[in-house]
Amino acid sequence: MILIVDDDNDVRAMIKRALQELGYPVLEAPDGPSALALFDEQKPSLVILDYMMPGMDGAEVAREIAARDADMPIIFSTGHGALRALRTAAGEDVSILEKPFALSELSALIEARLAERRSAAAAAAAASA
């Protein structure tokens, strides 16, 4: 299950349709507090998070998610104008999907992040065995 967090209803709906076309179940939230509540209730596998939102911005939401699950894959979605601010707030080693994006870009980034999470989980399981 993938959680989409974006304050723009049209963008959220577009991402939701794209994810559903790719076969992913989707949760959606219009803001940080709603996203955190859904995150706690539903335990998604991945979060697609808008950076520029009123109230809690994407970096603040990402920090809260990381406090709950340090290994949660997060993909930031943002317009070109916010890239520098996002990199400053979240660091250079973040996954960023720049709006507008192609379905193939979205799919490739999701698959890469989910594969990283599976590999990390397998390594942790092997280390504890």
C-alpha atoms as a PDB file:
ATOM      1  CA  MET A   1       0.000   0.000   0.000  1.00  0.00           C
ATOM      2  CA  ILE A   2       1.303   3.439  -0.948  1.00  0.00           C
ATOM      3  CA  LEU A   3       0.432   6.631   0.910  1.00  0.00           C
ATOM      4  CA  ILE A   4       0.188   9.774  -1.242  1.00  0.00           C
ATOM      5  CA  VAL A   5       0.459  13.078   0.613  1.00  0.00           C
ATOM      6  CA  ASP A   6      -0.241  16.212  -1.429  1.00  0.00           C
ATOM      7  CA  ASP A   7      -2.289  19.314  -0.655  1.00  0.00           C
ATOM      8  CA  ASP A   8      -3.275  19.686  -4.329  1.00  0.00           C
ATOM      9  CA  ASN A   9      -6.381  17.572  -4.950  1.00  0.00           C
ATOM     10  CA  ASP A  10      -5.729  17.324  -8.702  1.00  0.00           C
ATOM     11  CA  VAL A  11      -2.124  16.207  -8.277  1.00  0.00           C
ATOM     12  CA  ARG A  12      -3.121  13.697  -5.610  1.00  0.00           C
ATOM     13  CA  ALA A  13      -5.846  12.290  -7.873  1.00  0.00           C
ATOM     14  CA  MET A  14      -3.426  12.034 -10.810  1.00  0.00           C
ATOM     15  CA  ILE A  15      -0.833  10.168  -8.749  1.00  0.00           C
ATOM     16  CA  LYS A  16      -3.554   7.918  -7.336  1.00  0.00           C
ATOM     17  CA  ARG A  17      -4.762   6.997 -10.839  1.00  0.00           C
ATOM     18  CA  ALA A  18      -1.199   6.311 -11.969  1.00  0.00           C
ATOM     19  CA  LEU A  19      -0.508   4.073  -8.977  1.00  0.00           C
ATOM     20  CA  GLN A  20      -3.753   2.204  -9.470  1.00  0.00           C
ATOM     21  CA  GLU A  21      -2.826   1.650 -13.141  1.00  0.00           C
ATOM     22  CA  LEU A  22       0.421   0.124 -11.872  1.00  0.00           C
ATOM     23  CA  GLY A  23      -1.586  -2.137  -9.568  1.00  0.00           C
ATOM     24  CA  TYR A  24      -0.796  -0.543  -6.210  1.00  0.00           C
ATOM     25  CA  PRO A  25      -3.392  -0.069  -3.465  1.00  0.00           C
ATOM     26  CA  VAL A  26      -3.428   3.588  -2.438  1.00  0.00           C
ATOM     27  CA  LEU A  27      -4.105   5.728   0.618  1.00  0.00           C
ATOM     28  CA  GLU A  28      -4.231   9.487   0.294  1.00  0.00           C
ATOM     29  CA  ALA A  29      -3.928  12.470   2.598  1.00  0.00           C
ATOM     30  CA  PRO A  30      -4.182  16.224   1.911  1.00  0.00           C
ATOM     31  CA  ASP A  31      -1.783  17.330   4.662  1.00  0.00           C
ATOM     32  CA  GLY A  32       0.858  16.244   7.155  1.00  0.00           C
ATOM     33  CA  PRO A  33      -1.323  15.574  10.203  1.00  0.00           C
ATOM     34  CA  SER A  34      -3.774  13.462   8.165  1.00  0.00           C
ATOM     35  CA  ALA A  35      -0.864  11.602   6.597  1.00  0.00           C
ATOM     36  CA  LEU A  36       0.658  10.759   9.967  1.00  0.00           C
ATOM     37  CA  ALA A  37      -2.672   9.477  11.267  1.00  0.00           C
ATOM     38  CA  LEU A  38      -3.086   7.246   8.196  1.00  0.00           C
ATOM     39  CA  PHE A  39       0.537   6.141   8.456  1.00  0.00           C
ATOM     40  CA  ASP A  40       0.000   5.012  12.042  1.00  0.00           C
ATOM     41  CA  GLU A  41      -3.287   3.245  11.226  1.00  0.00           C
ATOM     42  CA  GLN A  42      -2.441   1.580   7.908  1.00  0.00           C
ATOM     43  CA  LYS A  43       1.352   1.039   7.877  1.00  0.00           C
ATOM     44  CA  PRO A  44       1.973   1.677   4.161  1.00  0.00           C
ATOM     45  CA  SER A  45       4.928   0.181   2.285  1.00  0.00           C
ATOM     46  CA  LEU A  46       6.007   3.497   0.766  1.00  0.00           C
ATOM     47  CA  VAL A  47       5.126   7.200   0.997  1.00  0.00           C
ATOM     48  CA  ILE A  48       4.962   9.697  -1.867  1.00  0.00           C
ATOM     49  CA  LEU A  49       5.220  13.074  -0.208  1.00  0.00           C
ATOM     50  CA  ASP A  50       4.776  16.572  -1.599  1.00  0.00           C
ATOM     51  CA  TYR A  51       7.438  18.906  -0.269  1.00  0.00           C
ATOM     52  CA  MET A  52       5.642  22.252  -0.475  1.00  0.00           C
ATOM     53  CA  MET A  53       2.526  22.056   1.712  1.00  0.00           C
ATOM     54  CA  PRO A  54       0.975  24.554   4.117  1.00  0.00           C
ATOM     55  CA  GLY A  55       1.371  23.810   7.794  1.00  0.00           C
ATOM     56  CA  MET A  56       3.742  20.851   7.966  1.00  0.00           C
ATOM     57  CA  ASP A  57       5.994  20.775   4.929  1.00  0.00           C
ATOM     58  CA  GLY A  58       7.215  17.514   3.444  1.00  0.00           C
ATOM     59  CA  ALA A  59      10.517  17.562   5.336  1.00  0.00           C
ATOM     60  CA  GLU A  60       8.675  17.819   8.670  1.00  0.00           C
ATOM     61  CA  VAL A  61       6.339  14.972   7.722  1.00  0.00           C
ATOM     62  CA  ALA A  62       9.306  12.863   6.590  1.00  0.00           C
ATOM     63  CA  ARG A  63      11.063  13.396   9.941  1.00  0.00           C
ATOM     64  CA  GLU A  64       7.925  12.264  11.794  1.00  0.00           C
ATOM     65  CA  ILE A  65       7.619   9.186   9.579  1.00  0.00           C
ATOM     66  CA  ALA A  66      11.298   8.352  10.062  1.00  0.00           C
ATOM     67  CA  ALA A  67      10.809   8.552  13.837  1.00  0.00           C
ATOM     68  CA  ARG A  68       8.082   5.904  13.499  1.00  0.00           C
ATOM     69  CA  ASP A  69       9.853   3.738  10.893  1.00  0.00           C
ATOM     70  CA  ALA A  70      13.444   4.657  10.052  1.00  0.00           C
ATOM     71  CA  ASP A  71      13.454   2.353   7.008  1.00  0.00           C
ATOM     72  CA  MET A  72      10.257   3.669   5.402  1.00  0.00           C
ATOM     73  CA  PRO A  73      10.889   4.512   1.740  1.00  0.00           C
ATOM     74  CA  ILE A  74       9.840   8.083   0.993  1.00  0.00           C
ATOM     75  CA  ILE A  75       9.685   9.655  -2.447  1.00  0.00           C
ATOM     76  CA  PHE A  76       9.356  13.419  -2.465  1.00  0.00           C
ATOM     77  CA  SER A  77       7.335  14.940  -5.283  1.00  0.00           C
ATOM     78  CA  THR A  78       7.958  18.571  -6.032  1.00  0.00           C
ATOM     79  CA  GLY A  79       8.054  21.193  -8.721  1.00  0.00           C
ATOM     80  CA  HIS A  80      11.363  22.368 -10.127  1.00  0.00           C
ATOM     81  CA  GLY A  81      11.284  25.598  -8.095  1.00  0.00           C
ATOM     82  CA  ALA A  82      11.407  23.733  -4.783  1.00  0.00           C
ATOM     83  CA  LEU A  83      14.275  21.344  -5.576  1.00  0.00           C
ATOM     84  CA  ARG A  84      16.969  23.437  -3.898  1.00  0.00           C
ATOM     85  CA  ALA A  85      14.862  23.970  -0.761  1.00  0.00           C
ATOM     86  CA  LEU A  86      14.053  20.253  -0.625  1.00  0.00           C
ATOM     87  CA  ARG A  87      17.705  19.219  -0.909  1.00  0.00           C
ATOM     88  CA  THR A  88      18.634  21.731   1.788  1.00  0.00           C
ATOM     89  CA  ALA A  89      15.902  20.508   4.147  1.00  0.00           C
ATOM     90  CA  ALA A  90      16.035  16.773   3.456  1.00  0.00           C
ATOM     91  CA  GLY A  91      19.605  16.216   2.275  1.00  0.00           C
ATOM     92  CA  GLU A  92      21.170  15.136  -0.977  1.00  0.00           C
ATOM     93  CA  ASP A  93      20.392  11.446  -0.562  1.00  0.00           C
ATOM     94  CA  VAL A  94      16.630  11.635  -1.062  1.00  0.00           C
ATOM     95  CA  SER A  95      14.409  10.232  -3.788  1.00  0.00           C
ATOM     96  CA  ILE A  96      12.778  13.038  -5.735  1.00  0.00           C
ATOM     97  CA  LEU A  97      10.104  12.823  -8.385  1.00  0.00           C
ATOM     98  CA  GLU A  98      10.014  16.147 -10.187  1.00  0.00           C
ATOM     99  CA  LYS A  99       6.585  17.356 -11.322  1.00  0.00           C
ATOM    100  CA  PRO A 100       5.450  16.823 -13.989  1.00  0.00           C
ATOM    101  CA  PHE A 101       6.680  13.251 -14.287  1.00  0.00           C
ATOM    102  CA  ALA A 102       6.069  10.287 -16.539  1.00  0.00           C
ATOM    103  CA  LEU A 103       4.384   7.097 -15.360  1.00  0.00           C
ATOM    104  CA  SER A 104       7.579   5.205 -16.197  1.00  0.00           C
ATOM    105  CA  GLU A 105       9.592   7.477 -13.864  1.00  0.00           C
ATOM    106  CA  LEU A 106       7.106   6.929 -11.049  1.00  0.00           C
ATOM    107  CA  SER A 107       7.111   3.163 -11.557  1.00  0.00           C
ATOM    108  CA  ALA A 108      10.909   2.881 -11.716  1.00  0.00           C
ATOM    109  CA  LEU A 109      11.436   4.943  -8.574  1.00  0.00           C
ATOM    110  CA  ILE A 110       8.805   3.020  -6.609  1.00  0.00           C
ATOM    111  CA  GLU A 111      10.247  -0.340  -7.644  1.00  0.00           C
ATOM    112  CA  ALA A 112      13.779   0.783  -6.740  1.00  0.00           C
ATOM    113  CA  ARG A 113      12.772   2.034  -3.299  1.00  0.00           C
ATOM    114  CA  LEU A 114      10.676  -1.064  -2.517  1.00  0.00           C
ATOM    115  CA  ALA A 115      13.548  -3.311  -3.660  1.00  0.00           C
ATOM    116  CA  GLU A 116      15.917  -1.418  -1.321  1.00  0.00           C
ATOM    117  CA  ARG A 117      13.511  -1.981   1.568  1.00  0.00           C
ATOM    118  CA  ARG A 118      13.199  -5.711   0.789  1.00  0.00           C
ATOM    119  CA  SER A 119      16.990  -6.062   0.603  1.00  0.00           C
ATOM    120  CA  ALA A 120      17.455  -4.256   3.914  1.00  0.00           C
ATOM    121  CA  ALA A 121      14.825  -6.451   5.564  1.00  0.00           C
ATOM    122  CA  ALA A 122      16.427  -9.633   4.190  1.00  0.00           C
ATOM    123  CA  ALA A 123      19.876  -8.511   5.392  1.00  0.00           C
ATOM    124  CA  ALA A 124      18.495  -7.734   8.860  1.00  0.00           C
ATOM    125  CA  ALA A 125      16.763 -11.124   9.013  1.00  0.00           C
ATOM    126  CA  ALA A 126      19.937 -12.917   7.952  1.00  0.00           C
ATOM    127  CA  ALA A 127      21.999 -11.027  10.529  1.00  0.00           C
ATOM    128  CA  SER A 128      19.653 -11.958  13.351  1.00  0.00           C
ATOM    129  CA  ALA A 129      19.462 -15.636  12.333  1.00  0.00           C
END
